[in-house]
């Protein structure tokens, strides 16, 4: 099963892409935060950055209601692509949104 749940804050303005076939796609960065205790028992905070993409109705929702700084909860799946750059095989992963709630 390929299922991801994230709650975080939009950290880049959603960028609209219009494809030659007429489909629309929006991409943006989401940051999530977590707290943990280090080996000495001190509380630490860590931010994680995620690349997200959305199709269909979520394009309009994010363009109208999802500016940078908006808190959202998303459900989606990890999509990975392989490509060659400078003669080396690279991988890029992003979260493709299936469902979204603006908090």
N, C-alpha and C. Protein backbone atom coordinates (compact mmCIF):
# COMPACT_ATOMS: atom_id res chain seq x y z
N UNK A 1 0.85 -1.17 0.00
CA UNK A 1 0.00 0.00 0.00
C UNK A 1 0.90 1.24 0.00
N UNK A 2 0.56 2.20 -0.80
CA UNK A 2 1.31 3.45 -0.91
C UNK A 2 0.41 4.58 -0.44
N UNK A 3 0.49 4.92 0.86
CA UNK A 3 -0.40 5.91 1.46
C UNK A 3 0.39 6.81 2.40
N UNK A 4 0.21 8.11 2.24
CA UNK A 4 0.93 9.10 3.05
C UNK A 4 -0.08 10.08 3.63
N UNK A 5 0.06 10.39 4.93
CA UNK A 5 -0.72 11.44 5.58
C UNK A 5 0.27 12.47 6.11
N UNK A 6 0.05 13.74 5.79
CA UNK A 6 0.90 14.81 6.28
C UNK A 6 0.06 15.97 6.75
N UNK A 7 0.52 16.63 7.83
CA UNK A 7 -0.07 17.88 8.30
C UNK A 7 1.08 18.86 8.38
N UNK A 8 0.93 19.99 7.69
CA UNK A 8 2.03 20.95 7.68
C UNK A 8 1.60 22.29 7.14
N UNK A 9 2.60 23.09 6.78
CA UNK A 9 2.40 24.45 6.31
C UNK A 9 2.98 24.60 4.91
N UNK A 10 2.20 25.22 4.02
CA UNK A 10 2.68 25.46 2.66
C UNK A 10 3.83 26.45 2.73
N UNK A 11 4.98 26.09 2.14
CA UNK A 11 6.18 26.92 2.23
C UNK A 11 6.60 27.55 0.92
N UNK A 12 5.87 27.29 -0.15
CA UNK A 12 6.13 27.97 -1.42
C UNK A 12 4.79 28.21 -2.09
N UNK A 13 4.68 29.33 -2.79
CA UNK A 13 3.43 29.61 -3.48
C UNK A 13 3.14 28.48 -4.46
N UNK A 14 1.93 27.92 -4.43
CA UNK A 14 1.59 26.87 -5.39
C UNK A 14 1.77 27.38 -6.82
N UNK A 15 2.52 26.61 -7.61
CA UNK A 15 2.83 27.01 -8.98
C UNK A 15 1.99 26.18 -9.96
N UNK A 16 1.23 26.87 -10.78
CA UNK A 16 0.35 26.23 -11.74
C UNK A 16 1.11 25.87 -13.01
N UNK A 17 0.90 24.63 -13.48
CA UNK A 17 1.48 24.16 -14.74
C UNK A 17 0.33 23.70 -15.63
N UNK A 18 0.28 24.22 -16.85
CA UNK A 18 -0.72 23.76 -17.81
C UNK A 18 -0.02 22.89 -18.83
N UNK A 19 -0.48 21.65 -18.96
CA UNK A 19 0.14 20.68 -19.86
C UNK A 19 -0.43 20.81 -21.27
N UNK A 20 0.30 20.36 -22.27
CA UNK A 20 -0.18 20.45 -23.66
C UNK A 20 -1.53 19.78 -23.89
N UNK A 21 -1.86 18.75 -23.09
CA UNK A 21 -3.14 18.07 -23.26
C UNK A 21 -4.29 18.78 -22.56
N UNK A 22 -4.02 19.96 -21.96
CA UNK A 22 -5.06 20.73 -21.29
C UNK A 22 -5.19 20.47 -19.80
N UNK A 23 -4.57 19.42 -19.30
CA UNK A 23 -4.64 19.14 -17.86
C UNK A 23 -3.84 20.18 -17.09
N UNK A 24 -4.29 20.44 -15.88
CA UNK A 24 -3.60 21.41 -15.03
C UNK A 24 -3.04 20.70 -13.80
N UNK A 25 -1.89 21.16 -13.37
CA UNK A 25 -1.15 20.57 -12.26
C UNK A 25 -0.63 21.72 -11.41
N UNK A 26 -0.66 21.56 -10.10
CA UNK A 26 -0.07 22.56 -9.22
C UNK A 26 0.99 21.85 -8.37
N UNK A 27 2.12 22.53 -8.17
CA UNK A 27 3.21 21.99 -7.36
C UNK A 27 3.60 23.01 -6.29
N UNK A 28 3.98 22.49 -5.12
CA UNK A 28 4.40 23.36 -4.02
C UNK A 28 5.18 22.55 -3.00
N UNK A 29 5.74 23.25 -2.03
CA UNK A 29 6.51 22.62 -0.96
C UNK A 29 5.73 22.73 0.35
N UNK A 30 5.72 21.64 1.10
CA UNK A 30 5.06 21.59 2.40
C UNK A 30 6.12 21.27 3.45
N UNK A 31 6.07 21.95 4.59
CA UNK A 31 6.99 21.64 5.67
C UNK A 31 6.20 21.05 6.83
N UNK A 32 6.71 19.94 7.38
CA UNK A 32 6.13 19.33 8.58
C UNK A 32 7.16 19.46 9.70
N UNK A 33 6.67 19.45 10.92
CA UNK A 33 7.56 19.58 12.08
C UNK A 33 7.33 18.41 13.02
N UNK A 34 8.42 17.99 13.66
CA UNK A 34 8.31 16.93 14.65
C UNK A 34 9.24 17.24 15.81
N UNK A 35 8.88 16.72 16.97
CA UNK A 35 9.70 16.87 18.17
C UNK A 35 10.15 15.49 18.64
N UNK A 36 11.34 15.45 19.23
CA UNK A 36 11.87 14.18 19.74
C UNK A 36 12.86 14.49 20.86
N UNK A 37 13.21 13.47 21.62
CA UNK A 37 14.20 13.63 22.68
C UNK A 37 15.53 13.05 22.19
N UNK A 38 16.62 13.83 22.38
CA UNK A 38 17.93 13.31 21.98
C UNK A 38 18.43 12.34 23.05
N UNK A 39 19.63 11.81 22.87
CA UNK A 39 20.15 10.79 23.79
C UNK A 39 20.34 11.31 25.22
N UNK A 40 20.45 12.64 25.38
CA UNK A 40 20.59 13.23 26.72
C UNK A 40 19.25 13.64 27.30
N UNK A 41 18.15 13.37 26.57
CA UNK A 41 16.82 13.70 27.07
C UNK A 41 16.37 15.12 26.76
N UNK A 42 17.13 15.84 25.95
CA UNK A 42 16.75 17.20 25.57
C UNK A 42 15.76 17.17 24.41
N UNK A 43 14.75 18.02 24.49
CA UNK A 43 13.75 18.08 23.43
C UNK A 43 14.33 18.79 22.21
N UNK A 44 14.21 18.17 21.06
CA UNK A 44 14.70 18.73 19.81
C UNK A 44 13.54 18.84 18.82
N UNK A 45 13.69 19.75 17.88
CA UNK A 45 12.68 19.96 16.84
C UNK A 45 13.34 19.76 15.48
N UNK A 46 12.60 19.16 14.57
CA UNK A 46 13.12 18.93 13.23
C UNK A 46 12.03 19.28 12.22
N UNK A 47 12.44 19.95 11.14
CA UNK A 47 11.52 20.25 10.04
C UNK A 47 11.85 19.34 8.87
N UNK A 48 10.81 18.86 8.21
CA UNK A 48 10.97 18.04 7.02
C UNK A 48 10.25 18.74 5.86
N UNK A 49 10.91 18.77 4.72
CA UNK A 49 10.38 19.44 3.54
C UNK A 49 9.91 18.40 2.54
N UNK A 50 8.73 18.61 1.98
CA UNK A 50 8.12 17.65 1.07
C UNK A 50 7.67 18.36 -0.21
N UNK A 51 7.95 17.76 -1.36
CA UNK A 51 7.45 18.28 -2.63
C UNK A 51 6.10 17.63 -2.89
N UNK A 52 5.07 18.45 -3.16
CA UNK A 52 3.73 17.95 -3.39
C UNK A 52 3.23 18.38 -4.76
N UNK A 53 2.33 17.57 -5.31
CA UNK A 53 1.66 17.92 -6.56
C UNK A 53 0.18 17.57 -6.43
N UNK A 54 -0.64 18.31 -7.18
CA UNK A 54 -2.09 18.09 -7.13
C UNK A 54 -2.69 18.27 -8.51
N UNK A 55 -3.70 17.47 -8.81
CA UNK A 55 -4.41 17.50 -10.08
C UNK A 55 -5.88 17.78 -9.82
N UNK A 56 -6.63 17.95 -10.86
CA UNK A 56 -8.09 18.03 -10.77
C UNK A 56 -8.58 19.18 -9.93
N UNK A 57 -9.58 18.90 -9.10
CA UNK A 57 -10.22 19.97 -8.31
C UNK A 57 -9.27 20.63 -7.32
N UNK A 58 -8.22 19.90 -6.92
CA UNK A 58 -7.29 20.46 -5.93
C UNK A 58 -6.49 21.62 -6.51
N UNK A 59 -6.35 21.67 -7.82
CA UNK A 59 -5.65 22.79 -8.46
C UNK A 59 -6.36 24.09 -8.14
N UNK A 60 -7.67 24.12 -8.34
CA UNK A 60 -8.45 25.34 -8.08
C UNK A 60 -8.47 25.66 -6.59
N UNK A 61 -8.65 24.65 -5.74
CA UNK A 61 -8.68 24.87 -4.29
C UNK A 61 -7.38 25.50 -3.82
N UNK A 62 -6.25 24.96 -4.25
CA UNK A 62 -4.96 25.50 -3.82
C UNK A 62 -4.68 26.88 -4.39
N UNK A 63 -5.11 27.15 -5.61
CA UNK A 63 -4.91 28.48 -6.18
C UNK A 63 -5.75 29.53 -5.47
N UNK A 64 -6.94 29.15 -4.99
CA UNK A 64 -7.84 30.11 -4.33
C UNK A 64 -7.61 30.21 -2.83
N UNK A 65 -7.27 29.09 -2.19
CA UNK A 65 -7.26 29.05 -0.72
C UNK A 65 -5.94 28.60 -0.12
N UNK A 66 -4.91 28.41 -0.93
CA UNK A 66 -3.69 27.83 -0.41
C UNK A 66 -2.44 28.65 -0.60
N UNK A 67 -2.44 29.92 -0.18
CA UNK A 67 -1.19 30.68 -0.32
C UNK A 67 -0.14 30.20 0.68
N UNK A 68 1.07 30.63 0.46
CA UNK A 68 2.17 30.30 1.36
C UNK A 68 1.77 30.64 2.80
N UNK A 69 2.07 29.74 3.72
CA UNK A 69 1.75 29.94 5.13
C UNK A 69 0.47 29.25 5.57
N UNK A 70 -0.31 28.73 4.64
CA UNK A 70 -1.56 28.04 4.96
C UNK A 70 -1.25 26.66 5.54
N UNK A 71 -1.96 26.31 6.61
CA UNK A 71 -1.82 24.97 7.20
C UNK A 71 -2.82 24.03 6.53
N UNK A 72 -2.33 22.85 6.14
CA UNK A 72 -3.18 21.87 5.47
C UNK A 72 -2.88 20.47 5.98
N UNK A 73 -3.84 19.59 5.77
CA UNK A 73 -3.66 18.15 5.99
C UNK A 73 -3.90 17.49 4.63
N UNK A 74 -3.01 16.59 4.25
CA UNK A 74 -3.15 15.92 2.96
C UNK A 74 -3.06 14.41 3.12
N UNK A 75 -3.75 13.74 2.22
CA UNK A 75 -3.59 12.30 2.04
C UNK A 75 -3.15 12.11 0.61
N UNK A 76 -2.16 11.28 0.40
CA UNK A 76 -1.68 11.08 -0.95
C UNK A 76 -0.84 9.83 -1.08
N UNK A 77 -0.06 9.81 -2.15
CA UNK A 77 0.82 8.68 -2.40
C UNK A 77 2.17 9.19 -2.88
N UNK A 78 3.21 8.41 -2.65
CA UNK A 78 4.55 8.77 -3.09
C UNK A 78 4.69 8.35 -4.55
N UNK A 79 5.14 9.30 -5.37
CA UNK A 79 5.40 9.04 -6.79
C UNK A 79 6.88 9.35 -7.03
N UNK A 80 7.61 8.38 -7.58
CA UNK A 80 9.04 8.55 -7.83
C UNK A 80 9.32 8.47 -9.32
N UNK A 81 10.26 9.30 -9.77
CA UNK A 81 10.68 9.30 -11.16
C UNK A 81 12.19 9.17 -11.21
N UNK A 82 12.67 8.40 -12.17
CA UNK A 82 14.11 8.25 -12.38
C UNK A 82 14.49 9.00 -13.65
N UNK A 83 15.67 9.62 -13.61
CA UNK A 83 16.16 10.35 -14.77
C UNK A 83 17.68 10.36 -14.72
N UNK A 84 18.30 10.70 -15.83
CA UNK A 84 19.76 10.80 -15.90
C UNK A 84 20.17 12.27 -15.95
N UNK A 85 21.14 12.61 -15.13
CA UNK A 85 21.66 13.97 -15.10
C UNK A 85 23.17 13.88 -14.92
N UNK A 86 23.89 14.53 -15.82
CA UNK A 86 25.36 14.49 -15.79
C UNK A 86 25.89 13.06 -15.80
N UNK A 87 25.21 12.18 -16.55
CA UNK A 87 25.65 10.80 -16.67
C UNK A 87 25.34 9.91 -15.48
N UNK A 88 24.61 10.43 -14.49
CA UNK A 88 24.28 9.64 -13.30
C UNK A 88 22.77 9.47 -13.21
N UNK A 89 22.36 8.30 -12.75
CA UNK A 89 20.94 8.03 -12.55
C UNK A 89 20.49 8.72 -11.27
N UNK A 90 19.43 9.52 -11.36
CA UNK A 90 18.90 10.27 -10.22
C UNK A 90 17.45 9.85 -9.98
N UNK A 91 16.96 10.11 -8.78
CA UNK A 91 15.57 9.84 -8.46
C UNK A 91 14.96 11.08 -7.81
N UNK A 92 13.72 11.37 -8.18
CA UNK A 92 12.98 12.47 -7.59
C UNK A 92 11.65 11.91 -7.09
N UNK A 93 11.30 12.21 -5.86
CA UNK A 93 10.03 11.74 -5.30
C UNK A 93 9.19 12.93 -4.87
N UNK A 94 7.88 12.78 -4.99
CA UNK A 94 6.96 13.80 -4.51
C UNK A 94 5.68 13.12 -4.03
N UNK A 95 4.90 13.85 -3.29
CA UNK A 95 3.62 13.35 -2.79
C UNK A 95 2.54 13.87 -3.73
N UNK A 96 1.77 12.96 -4.32
CA UNK A 96 0.64 13.33 -5.18
C UNK A 96 -0.62 13.29 -4.32
N UNK A 97 -1.30 14.42 -4.23
CA UNK A 97 -2.44 14.57 -3.32
C UNK A 97 -3.69 13.86 -3.85
N UNK A 98 -4.31 13.08 -2.97
CA UNK A 98 -5.61 12.46 -3.25
C UNK A 98 -6.73 13.22 -2.53
N UNK A 99 -6.43 13.73 -1.34
CA UNK A 99 -7.42 14.44 -0.53
C UNK A 99 -6.72 15.53 0.26
N UNK A 100 -7.43 16.61 0.54
CA UNK A 100 -6.81 17.76 1.19
C UNK A 100 -7.83 18.46 2.07
N UNK A 101 -7.39 18.92 3.23
CA UNK A 101 -8.20 19.73 4.13
C UNK A 101 -7.40 20.96 4.49
N UNK A 102 -7.99 22.14 4.32
CA UNK A 102 -7.34 23.38 4.75
C UNK A 102 -7.71 23.58 6.21
N UNK A 103 -6.70 23.74 7.05
CA UNK A 103 -6.91 23.83 8.51
C UNK A 103 -7.08 25.27 8.97
